[in-house]
Amino acid sequence: MIQDKVLAGVLIGLFADVVKLIINYLFYLFNFTNVVFWQITAARFLDRNDLFKPAAYFIGAIADLTVTVTLGIVFVYVIYFTGKNYLWMKGVGFGLVVWVGLFGTLLGQAVQAKLPQAPSGIMVTIAAHLVFGLGLAGFARMLYSDGNEEVPKEESEEERMFKRVVPVPAKKIISSDARKGQKESPKSKFKKPIKLKGSQVD
């Protein structure tokens, strides 16, 4: 478990982005969308004719990874201040907010002008960001520790010295034969007096 929030956010964002890209590429292979995320992010920097060149994928990858790493750090701070309760719901909500913020404002007009999207392509971006949010929540649960987990209490030096110095009370060990003897012995320790023959009491 990682306690450093920035490092944890970087790793969580990267791993969640890998899951998001895999989902996007699978939908791309099945023709639900005609572009991949790296082309979409590159649309902010390149002209329309350059978005299908190898340079577009490289530029889009740098932009996409930078954004997702930042989002991972932000998500770690969100759960740091709000706690890990309802973590999956927080992840889904965070992913949808990112989709609305990026595709609805920052990239929306640029992407639609350079890479026109059909409704199915827009649905792919929504599904990918839902998976991205779930990935953030899942990897946050696996990797990030906010320091509030219960830690086993370590004995102090004084407690260890106390156990060494103070003797442990000895317990009386009774053998099995002695126990049988105790069970068979009568409750009273005194025996009745034996009356001798010929003895008379004046």
N, C-alpha and C. Protein backbone atom coordinates (compact mmCIF):
# COMPACT_ATOMS: atom_id res chain seq x y z
N MET A 1 0.84 -1.19 0.00
CA MET A 1 0.00 0.00 0.00
C MET A 1 0.88 1.25 0.00
N ILE A 2 0.49 2.23 -0.80
CA ILE A 2 1.27 3.46 -0.95
C ILE A 2 0.59 4.57 -0.17
N GLN A 3 1.36 5.28 0.66
CA GLN A 3 0.79 6.37 1.44
C GLN A 3 1.05 7.73 0.80
N ASP A 4 2.07 7.84 -0.06
CA ASP A 4 2.31 9.11 -0.74
C ASP A 4 1.19 9.37 -1.74
N LYS A 5 0.49 10.47 -1.56
CA LYS A 5 -0.73 10.72 -2.36
C LYS A 5 -0.40 10.99 -3.82
N VAL A 6 0.69 11.70 -4.09
CA VAL A 6 1.02 12.04 -5.47
C VAL A 6 1.44 10.78 -6.24
N LEU A 7 2.33 10.00 -5.64
CA LEU A 7 2.77 8.76 -6.31
C LEU A 7 1.60 7.80 -6.49
N ALA A 8 0.77 7.67 -5.48
CA ALA A 8 -0.40 6.80 -5.61
C ALA A 8 -1.33 7.29 -6.71
N GLY A 9 -1.54 8.60 -6.79
CA GLY A 9 -2.40 9.15 -7.83
C GLY A 9 -1.85 8.93 -9.23
N VAL A 10 -0.55 9.06 -9.37
CA VAL A 10 0.08 8.82 -10.68
C VAL A 10 -0.17 7.38 -11.13
N LEU A 11 0.10 6.42 -10.25
CA LEU A 11 -0.07 5.01 -10.61
C LEU A 11 -1.53 4.66 -10.84
N ILE A 12 -2.40 5.17 -9.98
CA ILE A 12 -3.83 4.89 -10.13
C ILE A 12 -4.35 5.45 -11.45
N GLY A 13 -3.94 6.67 -11.79
CA GLY A 13 -4.37 7.27 -13.05
C GLY A 13 -3.86 6.51 -14.26
N LEU A 14 -2.61 6.06 -14.21
CA LEU A 14 -2.04 5.31 -15.33
C LEU A 14 -2.76 3.98 -15.53
N PHE A 15 -2.96 3.23 -14.45
CA PHE A 15 -3.60 1.93 -14.57
C PHE A 15 -5.05 2.06 -15.04
N ALA A 16 -5.75 3.06 -14.51
CA ALA A 16 -7.14 3.26 -14.94
C ALA A 16 -7.20 3.68 -16.40
N ASP A 17 -6.21 4.45 -16.85
CA ASP A 17 -6.18 4.87 -18.25
C ASP A 17 -5.95 3.69 -19.18
N VAL A 18 -5.11 2.74 -18.75
CA VAL A 18 -4.88 1.54 -19.56
C VAL A 18 -6.19 0.78 -19.77
N VAL A 19 -6.98 0.65 -18.71
CA VAL A 19 -8.27 -0.04 -18.83
C VAL A 19 -9.19 0.74 -19.78
N LYS A 20 -9.20 2.05 -19.65
CA LYS A 20 -10.03 2.89 -20.52
C LYS A 20 -9.63 2.74 -21.98
N LEU A 21 -8.35 2.73 -22.26
CA LEU A 21 -7.87 2.61 -23.64
C LEU A 21 -8.20 1.24 -24.23
N ILE A 22 -8.13 0.20 -23.38
CA ILE A 22 -8.47 -1.13 -23.87
C ILE A 22 -9.94 -1.19 -24.27
N ILE A 23 -10.81 -0.62 -23.46
CA ILE A 23 -12.24 -0.60 -23.79
C ILE A 23 -12.47 0.19 -25.07
N ASN A 24 -11.83 1.33 -25.19
CA ASN A 24 -11.98 2.15 -26.39
C ASN A 24 -11.50 1.41 -27.64
N TYR A 25 -10.39 0.70 -27.53
CA TYR A 25 -9.85 0.00 -28.70
C TYR A 25 -10.74 -1.19 -29.09
N LEU A 26 -11.32 -1.87 -28.09
CA LEU A 26 -12.22 -2.98 -28.41
C LEU A 26 -13.44 -2.47 -29.17
N PHE A 27 -14.01 -1.35 -28.73
CA PHE A 27 -15.15 -0.78 -29.46
C PHE A 27 -14.72 -0.29 -30.84
N TYR A 28 -13.49 0.16 -30.96
CA TYR A 28 -12.97 0.59 -32.26
C TYR A 28 -12.86 -0.60 -33.21
N LEU A 29 -12.41 -1.74 -32.69
CA LEU A 29 -12.28 -2.93 -33.53
C LEU A 29 -13.63 -3.43 -34.03
N PHE A 30 -14.65 -3.25 -33.23
CA PHE A 30 -15.99 -3.70 -33.62
C PHE A 30 -16.80 -2.60 -34.31
N ASN A 31 -16.11 -1.53 -34.70
CA ASN A 31 -16.70 -0.45 -35.52
C ASN A 31 -17.82 0.33 -34.81
N PHE A 32 -17.77 0.36 -33.48
CA PHE A 32 -18.71 1.23 -32.78
C PHE A 32 -18.26 2.69 -32.82
N THR A 33 -16.97 2.90 -33.06
CA THR A 33 -16.42 4.24 -33.20
C THR A 33 -15.32 4.20 -34.26
N ASN A 34 -15.07 5.36 -34.89
CA ASN A 34 -14.07 5.38 -35.97
C ASN A 34 -12.76 6.03 -35.54
N VAL A 35 -12.65 6.40 -34.28
CA VAL A 35 -11.42 7.02 -33.77
C VAL A 35 -11.08 6.43 -32.41
N VAL A 36 -9.82 6.62 -32.00
CA VAL A 36 -9.39 6.21 -30.66
C VAL A 36 -9.10 7.46 -29.85
N PHE A 37 -8.93 7.29 -28.57
CA PHE A 37 -8.79 8.43 -27.68
C PHE A 37 -7.59 9.29 -28.00
N TRP A 38 -6.50 8.69 -28.43
CA TRP A 38 -5.31 9.49 -28.70
C TRP A 38 -5.53 10.43 -29.88
N GLN A 39 -6.36 10.03 -30.82
CA GLN A 39 -6.73 10.96 -31.90
C GLN A 39 -7.62 12.08 -31.38
N ILE A 40 -8.52 11.74 -30.46
CA ILE A 40 -9.42 12.75 -29.91
C ILE A 40 -8.64 13.81 -29.15
N THR A 41 -7.69 13.38 -28.31
CA THR A 41 -6.90 14.36 -27.55
C THR A 41 -5.96 15.15 -28.46
N ALA A 42 -5.47 14.51 -29.54
CA ALA A 42 -4.60 15.23 -30.47
C ALA A 42 -5.36 16.28 -31.27
N ALA A 43 -6.69 16.15 -31.33
CA ALA A 43 -7.48 17.12 -32.10
C ALA A 43 -7.38 18.52 -31.52
N ARG A 44 -6.99 18.61 -30.27
CA ARG A 44 -6.83 19.93 -29.64
C ARG A 44 -5.58 20.64 -30.15
N PHE A 45 -4.63 19.90 -30.71
CA PHE A 45 -3.34 20.47 -31.09
C PHE A 45 -3.08 20.44 -32.60
N LEU A 46 -3.72 19.54 -33.35
CA LEU A 46 -3.38 19.34 -34.76
C LEU A 46 -4.57 19.66 -35.67
N ASP A 47 -4.25 19.85 -36.93
CA ASP A 47 -5.31 20.05 -37.93
C ASP A 47 -5.97 18.72 -38.25
N ARG A 48 -7.08 18.81 -38.94
CA ARG A 48 -7.86 17.63 -39.25
C ARG A 48 -7.09 16.65 -40.12
N ASN A 49 -6.33 17.14 -41.07
CA ASN A 49 -5.60 16.26 -42.00
C ASN A 49 -4.45 15.53 -41.34
N ASP A 50 -4.03 16.00 -40.15
CA ASP A 50 -2.89 15.38 -39.47
C ASP A 50 -3.30 14.38 -38.39
N LEU A 51 -4.59 14.22 -38.17
CA LEU A 51 -5.04 13.39 -37.05
C LEU A 51 -4.93 11.89 -37.32
N PHE A 52 -4.68 11.50 -38.57
CA PHE A 52 -4.53 10.08 -38.88
C PHE A 52 -3.08 9.71 -39.19
N LYS A 53 -2.15 10.61 -38.85
CA LYS A 53 -0.73 10.35 -39.03
C LYS A 53 -0.12 9.81 -37.73
N PRO A 54 1.02 9.11 -37.83
CA PRO A 54 1.64 8.56 -36.60
C PRO A 54 1.94 9.62 -35.55
N ALA A 55 2.29 10.83 -35.98
CA ALA A 55 2.59 11.89 -35.02
C ALA A 55 1.38 12.22 -34.16
N ALA A 56 0.18 12.09 -34.72
CA ALA A 56 -1.03 12.39 -33.96
C ALA A 56 -1.19 11.42 -32.79
N TYR A 57 -0.88 10.15 -33.01
CA TYR A 57 -1.00 9.17 -31.93
C TYR A 57 0.00 9.46 -30.82
N PHE A 58 1.20 9.88 -31.20
CA PHE A 58 2.23 10.19 -30.20
C PHE A 58 1.83 11.42 -29.38
N ILE A 59 1.41 12.47 -30.08
CA ILE A 59 1.00 13.69 -29.38
C ILE A 59 -0.23 13.42 -28.51
N GLY A 60 -1.17 12.67 -29.06
CA GLY A 60 -2.37 12.34 -28.29
C GLY A 60 -2.05 11.49 -27.07
N ALA A 61 -1.09 10.58 -27.19
CA ALA A 61 -0.71 9.73 -26.06
C ALA A 61 -0.12 10.57 -24.93
N ILE A 62 0.78 11.50 -25.28
CA ILE A 62 1.38 12.37 -24.26
C ILE A 62 0.30 13.19 -23.55
N ALA A 63 -0.61 13.75 -24.33
CA ALA A 63 -1.68 14.56 -23.74
C ALA A 63 -2.61 13.71 -22.87
N ASP A 64 -2.98 12.54 -23.37
CA ASP A 64 -3.89 11.68 -22.64
C ASP A 64 -3.29 11.20 -21.33
N LEU A 65 -2.03 10.76 -21.36
CA LEU A 65 -1.38 10.27 -20.14
C LEU A 65 -1.19 11.40 -19.12
N THR A 66 -0.86 12.58 -19.61
CA THR A 66 -0.70 13.72 -18.69
C THR A 66 -2.02 14.04 -17.99
N VAL A 67 -3.10 14.03 -18.74
CA VAL A 67 -4.41 14.34 -18.15
C VAL A 67 -4.83 13.25 -17.16
N THR A 68 -4.66 11.99 -17.53
CA THR A 68 -5.11 10.91 -16.66
C THR A 68 -4.28 10.82 -15.38
N VAL A 69 -2.99 11.09 -15.46
CA VAL A 69 -2.16 11.13 -14.25
C VAL A 69 -2.65 12.23 -13.32
N THR A 70 -2.93 13.39 -13.88
CA THR A 70 -3.46 14.50 -13.07
C THR A 70 -4.80 14.13 -12.45
N LEU A 71 -5.66 13.49 -13.22
CA LEU A 71 -6.96 13.08 -12.69
C LEU A 71 -6.80 12.03 -11.58
N GLY A 72 -5.82 11.16 -11.72
CA GLY A 72 -5.56 10.18 -10.66
C GLY A 72 -5.17 10.85 -9.35
N ILE A 73 -4.32 11.88 -9.44
CA ILE A 73 -3.91 12.61 -8.23
C ILE A 73 -5.12 13.33 -7.62
N VAL A 74 -5.93 13.95 -8.47
CA VAL A 74 -7.13 14.64 -7.97
C VAL A 74 -8.06 13.65 -7.27
N PHE A 75 -8.23 12.46 -7.85
CA PHE A 75 -9.13 11.47 -7.26
C PHE A 75 -8.61 11.00 -5.90
N VAL A 76 -7.31 10.84 -5.78
CA VAL A 76 -6.74 10.45 -4.49
C VAL A 76 -7.03 11.50 -3.43
N TYR A 77 -6.93 12.77 -3.79
CA TYR A 77 -7.24 13.83 -2.82
C TYR A 77 -8.73 13.87 -2.51
N VAL A 78 -9.56 13.51 -3.48
CA VAL A 78 -10.99 13.46 -3.22
C VAL A 78 -11.31 12.42 -2.16
N ILE A 79 -10.76 11.23 -2.29
CA ILE A 79 -11.04 10.18 -1.30
C ILE A 79 -10.28 10.43 -0.01
N TYR A 80 -9.20 11.20 -0.07
CA TYR A 80 -8.49 11.54 1.16
C TYR A 80 -9.35 12.45 2.04
N PHE A 81 -10.04 13.40 1.43
CA PHE A 81 -10.86 14.34 2.19
C PHE A 81 -12.27 13.80 2.48
N THR A 82 -12.75 12.89 1.65
CA THR A 82 -14.12 12.39 1.84
C THR A 82 -14.18 10.98 2.39
N GLY A 83 -13.06 10.28 2.40
CA GLY A 83 -13.04 8.91 2.89
C GLY A 83 -13.30 7.90 1.79
N LYS A 84 -13.12 6.62 2.12
CA LYS A 84 -13.28 5.54 1.15
C LYS A 84 -14.68 4.94 1.15
N ASN A 85 -15.59 5.54 1.87
CA ASN A 85 -16.97 5.06 1.82
C ASN A 85 -17.57 5.32 0.44
N TYR A 86 -18.36 4.36 -0.04
CA TYR A 86 -18.99 4.47 -1.36
C TYR A 86 -17.95 4.76 -2.45
N LEU A 87 -16.85 4.05 -2.40
CA LEU A 87 -15.74 4.33 -3.30
C LEU A 87 -16.12 4.10 -4.76
N TRP A 88 -16.90 3.03 -5.03
CA TRP A 88 -17.26 2.74 -6.42
C TRP A 88 -18.17 3.83 -6.99
N MET A 89 -19.10 4.31 -6.17
CA MET A 89 -19.98 5.38 -6.63
C MET A 89 -19.20 6.66 -6.88
N LYS A 90 -18.23 6.92 -6.03
CA LYS A 90 -17.39 8.10 -6.24
C LYS A 90 -16.59 7.96 -7.54
N GLY A 91 -16.10 6.77 -7.82
CA GLY A 91 -15.35 6.56 -9.05
C GLY A 91 -16.20 6.76 -10.29
N VAL A 92 -17.42 6.20 -10.27
CA VAL A 92 -18.32 6.38 -11.42
C VAL A 92 -18.68 7.85 -11.59
N GLY A 93 -19.01 8.52 -10.49
CA GLY A 93 -19.35 9.94 -10.58
C GLY A 93 -18.18 10.78 -11.07
N PHE A 94 -17.00 10.45 -10.61
CA PHE A 94 -15.81 11.18 -11.05
C PHE A 94 -15.58 10.99 -12.54
N GLY A 95 -15.75 9.75 -13.02
CA GLY A 95 -15.56 9.49 -14.44
C GLY A 95 -16.56 10.24 -15.31
N LEU A 96 -17.81 10.33 -14.86
CA LEU A 96 -18.81 11.07 -15.63
C LEU A 96 -18.53 12.57 -15.61
N VAL A 97 -18.07 13.09 -14.48
CA VAL A 97 -17.72 14.52 -14.41
C VAL A 97 -16.56 14.82 -15.37
N VAL A 98 -15.60 13.91 -15.44
CA VAL A 98 -14.48 14.09 -16.37
C VAL A 98 -14.97 14.08 -17.80
N TRP A 99 -15.88 13.16 -18.12
CA TRP A 99 -16.40 13.10 -19.49
C TRP A 99 -17.14 14.39 -19.87
N VAL A 100 -17.97 14.88 -18.96
CA VAL A 100 -18.70 16.12 -19.25
C VAL A 100 -17.73 17.29 -19.34
N GLY A 101 -16.75 17.33 -18.42
CA GLY A 101 -15.81 18.45 -18.42
C GLY A 101 -14.91 18.48 -19.64
N LEU A 102 -14.43 17.31 -20.06
CA LEU A 102 -13.50 17.28 -21.20
C LEU A 102 -14.23 17.32 -22.53
N PHE A 103 -15.18 16.42 -22.72
CA PHE A 103 -15.83 16.32 -24.03
C PHE A 103 -16.98 17.31 -24.19
N GLY A 104 -17.50 17.79 -23.09
CA GLY A 104 -18.59 18.75 -23.20
C GLY A 104 -18.13 20.19 -23.29
N THR A 105 -16.91 20.46 -22.81
CA THR A 105 -16.41 21.84 -22.81
C THR A 105 -15.08 21.98 -23.53
N LEU A 106 -14.05 21.34 -23.03
CA LEU A 106 -12.70 21.58 -23.55
C LEU A 106 -12.49 21.01 -24.95
N LEU A 107 -12.93 19.77 -25.17
CA LEU A 107 -12.66 19.11 -26.44
C LEU A 107 -13.88 19.01 -27.35
N GLY A 108 -15.02 19.33 -26.85
CA GLY A 108 -16.25 19.09 -27.61
C GLY A 108 -16.27 19.73 -28.98
N GLN A 109 -16.10 21.03 -29.08
CA GLN A 109 -16.18 21.72 -30.37
C GLN A 109 -15.03 21.35 -31.28
N ALA A 110 -13.82 21.23 -30.71
CA ALA A 110 -12.66 20.89 -31.53
C ALA A 110 -12.78 19.50 -32.13
N VAL A 111 -13.23 18.55 -31.33
CA VAL A 111 -13.36 17.18 -31.81
C VAL A 111 -14.49 17.07 -32.83
N GLN A 112 -15.61 17.69 -32.56
CA GLN A 112 -16.74 17.58 -33.47
C GLN A 112 -16.45 18.23 -34.81
N ALA A 113 -15.64 19.28 -34.81
CA ALA A 113 -15.31 19.95 -36.07
C ALA A 113 -14.29 19.17 -36.88
N LYS A 114 -13.34 18.51 -36.19
CA LYS A 114 -12.27 17.82 -36.89
C LYS A 114 -12.53 16.32 -37.03
N LEU A 115 -13.20 15.74 -36.03
CA LEU A 115 -13.52 14.31 -36.06
C LEU A 115 -14.99 14.14 -35.72
N PRO A 116 -15.86 14.32 -36.68
CA PRO A 116 -17.30 14.21 -36.39
C PRO A 116 -17.65 12.83 -35.83
N GLN A 117 -18.39 12.84 -34.70
CA GLN A 117 -18.73 11.59 -34.01
C GLN A 117 -20.20 11.26 -34.19
N ALA A 118 -20.45 9.99 -34.50
CA ALA A 118 -21.82 9.49 -34.53
C ALA A 118 -22.27 9.25 -33.09
N PRO A 119 -23.58 9.11 -32.87
CA PRO A 119 -24.05 8.82 -31.50
C PRO A 119 -23.39 7.59 -30.87
N SER A 120 -23.11 6.57 -31.69
CA SER A 120 -22.45 5.38 -31.15
C SER A 120 -21.04 5.70 -30.65
N GLY A 121 -20.34 6.60 -31.37
CA GLY A 121 -19.01 7.00 -30.93
C GLY A 121 -19.04 7.77 -29.62
N ILE A 122 -20.06 8.61 -29.44
CA ILE A 122 -20.20 9.35 -28.19
C ILE A 122 -20.53 8.38 -27.05
N MET A 123 -21.35 7.38 -27.33
CA MET A 123 -21.66 6.38 -26.31
C MET A 123 -20.41 5.61 -25.89
N VAL A 124 -19.51 5.40 -26.84
CA VAL A 124 -18.25 4.72 -26.51
C VAL A 124 -17.44 5.56 -25.53
N THR A 125 -17.39 6.87 -25.75
CA THR A 125 -16.63 7.72 -24.82
C THR A 125 -17.27 7.71 -23.43
N ILE A 126 -18.58 7.66 -23.38
CA ILE A 126 -19.25 7.59 -22.07
C ILE A 126 -18.90 6.28 -21.36
N ALA A 127 -19.02 5.17 -22.09
CA ALA A 127 -18.72 3.86 -21.50
C ALA A 127 -17.27 3.78 -21.05
N ALA A 128 -16.37 4.33 -21.86
CA ALA A 128 -14.95 4.28 -21.50
C ALA A 128 -14.67 5.09 -20.24
N HIS A 129 -15.35 6.23 -20.07
CA HIS A 129 -15.13 7.03 -18.87
C HIS A 129 -15.79 6.42 -17.64
N LEU A 130 -16.88 5.68 -17.83
CA LEU A 130 -17.44 4.92 -16.72
C LEU A 130 -16.44 3.86 -16.25
N VAL A 131 -15.84 3.16 -17.20
CA VAL A 131 -14.83 2.17 -16.86
C VAL A 131 -13.60 2.84 -16.24
N PHE A 132 -13.26 4.01 -16.74
CA PHE A 132 -12.14 4.76 -16.17
C PHE A 132 -12.40 5.10 -14.70
N GLY A 133 -13.62 5.54 -14.39
CA GLY A 133 -13.96 5.83 -13.00
C GLY A 133 -13.92 4.60 -12.12
N LEU A 134 -14.44 3.48 -12.63
CA LEU A 134 -14.37 2.24 -11.87
C LEU A 134 -12.92 1.80 -11.68
N GLY A 135 -12.10 2.01 -12.71
CA GLY A 135 -10.68 1.69 -12.57
C GLY A 135 -10.00 2.53 -11.51
N LEU A 136 -10.33 3.82 -11.46
CA LEU A 136 -9.79 4.68 -10.41
C LEU A 136 -10.15 4.15 -9.03
N ALA A 137 -11.42 3.79 -8.86
CA ALA A 137 -11.87 3.29 -7.56
C ALA A 137 -11.20 1.96 -7.21
N GLY A 138 -11.13 1.05 -8.18
CA GLY A 138 -10.53 -0.25 -7.91
C GLY A 138 -9.06 -0.17 -7.59
N PHE A 139 -8.31 0.58 -8.37
CA PHE A 139 -6.87 0.69 -8.12
C PHE A 139 -6.58 1.53 -6.88
N ALA A 140 -7.46 2.48 -6.56
CA ALA A 140 -7.30 3.24 -5.31
C ALA A 140 -7.45 2.32 -4.11
N ARG A 141 -8.42 1.40 -4.18
CA ARG A 141 -8.60 0.45 -3.09
C ARG A 141 -7.38 -0.46 -2.96
N MET A 142 -6.77 -0.82 -4.08
CA MET A 142 -5.64 -1.74 -4.06
C MET A 142 -4.33 -1.07 -3.65
N LEU A 143 -4.10 0.16 -4.13
CA LEU A 143 -2.78 0.77 -4.02
C LEU A 143 -2.65 1.83 -2.95
N TYR A 144 -3.74 2.57 -2.70
CA TYR A 144 -3.61 3.76 -1.87
C TYR A 144 -4.00 3.48 -0.43
N SER A 145 -3.16 3.93 0.49
CA SER A 145 -3.44 3.85 1.92
C SER A 145 -3.41 5.26 2.49
N ASP A 146 -4.52 5.68 3.11
CA ASP A 146 -4.57 7.04 3.66
C ASP A 146 -4.05 7.13 5.08
N GLY A 147 -3.50 6.03 5.58
CA GLY A 147 -2.91 6.05 6.91
C GLY A 147 -3.90 5.81 8.03
N ASN A 148 -5.16 5.60 7.73
CA ASN A 148 -6.17 5.39 8.77
C ASN A 148 -6.44 3.92 9.03
N GLU A 149 -5.80 3.04 8.27
CA GLU A 149 -6.02 1.62 8.51
C GLU A 149 -5.45 1.23 9.87
N GLU A 150 -6.09 0.23 10.47
CA GLU A 150 -5.64 -0.20 11.78
C GLU A 150 -4.28 -0.87 11.66
N VAL A 151 -3.34 -0.42 12.48
CA VAL A 151 -1.99 -0.96 12.49
C VAL A 151 -1.81 -1.74 13.77
N PRO A 152 -1.26 -2.95 13.73
CA PRO A 152 -1.03 -3.70 14.95
C PRO A 152 -0.17 -2.93 15.93
N LYS A 153 -0.59 -2.91 17.21
CA LYS A 153 0.11 -2.14 18.22
C LYS A 153 1.40 -2.85 18.62
N GLU A 154 2.49 -2.14 18.59
CA GLU A 154 3.78 -2.69 18.97
C GLU A 154 4.02 -2.48 20.46
N GLU A 155 4.64 -3.47 21.09
CA GLU A 155 4.95 -3.34 22.50
C GLU A 155 6.08 -2.35 22.70
N SER A 156 5.96 -1.53 23.75
CA SER A 156 7.02 -0.58 24.06
C SER A 156 8.16 -1.30 24.75
N GLU A 157 9.29 -0.61 24.85
CA GLU A 157 10.46 -1.20 25.50
C GLU A 157 10.19 -1.46 26.97
N GLU A 158 9.40 -0.58 27.61
CA GLU A 158 9.09 -0.76 29.02
C GLU A 158 8.26 -2.02 29.24
N GLU A 159 7.29 -2.28 28.33
CA GLU A 159 6.47 -3.48 28.46
C GLU A 159 7.29 -4.74 28.28
N ARG A 160 8.22 -4.70 27.32
CA ARG A 160 9.08 -5.86 27.12
C ARG A 160 9.98 -6.11 28.32
N MET A 161 10.54 -5.06 28.94
CA MET A 161 11.39 -5.19 30.12
C MET A 161 10.58 -5.70 31.31
N PHE A 162 9.32 -5.22 31.42
CA PHE A 162 8.46 -5.65 32.52
C PHE A 162 8.20 -7.14 32.45
N LYS A 163 7.98 -7.65 31.22
CA LYS A 163 7.74 -9.08 31.07
C LYS A 163 8.98 -9.91 31.39
N ARG A 164 10.16 -9.33 31.16
CA ARG A 164 11.39 -10.06 31.46
C ARG A 164 11.66 -10.11 32.96
N VAL A 165 11.38 -9.02 33.67
CA VAL A 165 11.74 -8.92 35.08
C VAL A 165 10.72 -9.59 35.98
N VAL A 166 9.43 -9.35 35.74
CA VAL A 166 8.39 -9.89 36.61
C VAL A 166 8.18 -11.36 36.32
N PRO A 167 8.36 -12.22 37.33
CA PRO A 167 8.18 -13.66 37.08
C PRO A 167 6.71 -14.00 36.89
N VAL A 168 6.48 -15.02 36.11
CA VAL A 168 5.12 -15.50 35.88
C VAL A 168 4.75 -16.44 37.01
N PRO A 169 3.59 -16.27 37.67
CA PRO A 169 3.20 -17.17 38.77
C PRO A 169 3.16 -18.62 38.31
N ALA A 170 3.77 -19.48 39.18
CA ALA A 170 3.82 -20.90 38.84
C ALA A 170 2.48 -21.56 39.12
N LYS A 171 2.13 -22.50 38.30
CA LYS A 171 0.90 -23.24 38.47
C LYS A 171 1.22 -24.63 39.03
N LYS A 172 0.40 -25.05 39.98
CA LYS A 172 0.59 -26.37 40.57
C LYS A 172 0.16 -27.44 39.59
N ILE A 173 1.08 -28.37 39.37
CA ILE A 173 0.80 -29.45 38.43
C ILE A 173 0.42 -30.69 39.22
N ILE A 174 -0.69 -31.22 38.94
CA ILE A 174 -1.17 -32.43 39.62
C ILE A 174 -1.20 -33.57 38.61
N SER A 175 -0.58 -34.66 38.99
CA SER A 175 -0.55 -35.82 38.10
C SER A 175 -1.93 -36.45 38.00
N SER A 176 -2.08 -37.27 37.00
CA SER A 176 -3.37 -37.93 36.78
C SER A 176 -3.70 -38.88 37.93
N ASP A 177 -2.68 -39.57 38.50
CA ASP A 177 -2.92 -40.49 39.61
C ASP A 177 -3.40 -39.74 40.83
N ALA A 178 -2.79 -38.57 41.04
CA ALA A 178 -3.18 -37.78 42.21
C ALA A 178 -4.61 -37.29 42.06
N ARG A 179 -4.98 -36.94 40.83
CA ARG A 179 -6.35 -36.50 40.59
C ARG A 179 -7.35 -37.61 40.87
N LYS A 180 -7.00 -38.86 40.47
CA LYS A 180 -7.88 -39.98 40.74
C LYS A 180 -8.01 -40.21 42.24
N GLY A 181 -6.87 -40.03 42.94
CA GLY A 181 -6.90 -40.21 44.39
C GLY A 181 -7.78 -39.19 45.06
N GLN A 182 -7.75 -37.95 44.51
CA GLN A 182 -8.59 -36.91 45.08
C GLN A 182 -10.07 -37.21 44.87
N LYS A 183 -10.41 -37.76 43.70
CA LYS A 183 -11.80 -38.06 43.42
C LYS A 183 -12.31 -39.21 44.30
N GLU A 184 -11.44 -40.23 44.52
CA GLU A 184 -11.86 -41.39 45.28
C GLU A 184 -11.86 -41.14 46.77
N SER A 185 -11.11 -40.20 47.30
CA SER A 185 -11.01 -39.95 48.74
C SER A 185 -12.33 -39.42 49.26
N PRO A 186 -12.73 -39.79 50.47
CA PRO A 186 -14.00 -39.31 51.03
C PRO A 186 -13.94 -37.84 51.30
N LYS A 187 -15.08 -37.24 51.43
CA LYS A 187 -15.15 -35.81 51.69
C LYS A 187 -14.59 -35.47 53.06
N SER A 188 -14.87 -36.33 54.04
CA SER A 188 -14.39 -36.05 55.40
C SER A 188 -13.01 -36.68 55.60
N LYS A 189 -12.12 -35.95 56.26
CA LYS A 189 -10.76 -36.45 56.49
C LYS A 189 -10.68 -37.30 57.77
N PHE A 190 -11.71 -37.29 58.57
CA PHE A 190 -11.67 -38.01 59.86
C PHE A 190 -12.39 -39.34 59.73
N LYS A 191 -11.80 -40.38 60.34
CA LYS A 191 -12.39 -41.71 60.35
C LYS A 191 -13.12 -41.94 61.66
N LYS A 192 -14.14 -42.79 61.59
CA LYS A 192 -14.86 -43.13 62.81
C LYS A 192 -13.97 -43.96 63.73
N PRO A 193 -14.05 -43.76 65.05
CA PRO A 193 -13.21 -44.57 65.98
C PRO A 193 -13.63 -46.03 65.97
N ILE A 194 -12.64 -46.87 66.06
CA ILE A 194 -12.88 -48.32 66.07
C ILE A 194 -13.05 -48.78 67.51
N LYS A 195 -14.11 -49.48 67.77
CA LYS A 195 -14.37 -49.99 69.12
C LYS A 195 -13.66 -51.31 69.32
N LEU A 196 -12.75 -51.34 70.31
CA LEU A 196 -11.97 -52.55 70.57
C LEU A 196 -12.77 -53.53 71.41
N LYS A 197 -12.57 -54.82 71.14
CA LYS A 197 -13.24 -55.85 71.91
C LYS A 197 -12.66 -55.94 73.34
N GLY A 198 -13.49 -56.13 74.26
CA GLY A 198 -13.05 -56.27 75.63
C GLY A 198 -12.84 -54.96 76.35
N SER A 199 -12.92 -53.89 75.64
CA SER A 199 -12.71 -52.63 76.31
C SER A 199 -14.03 -52.17 76.88
N GLN A 200 -14.03 -51.74 78.08
CA GLN A 200 -15.23 -51.28 78.75
C GLN A 200 -15.01 -49.88 79.25
N VAL A 201 -16.08 -49.23 79.29
CA VAL A 201 -15.99 -47.89 79.80
C VAL A 201 -16.67 -47.82 81.13
N ASP A 202 -15.91 -47.45 82.15
CA ASP A 202 -16.47 -47.39 83.50
C ASP A 202 -17.36 -46.19 83.62
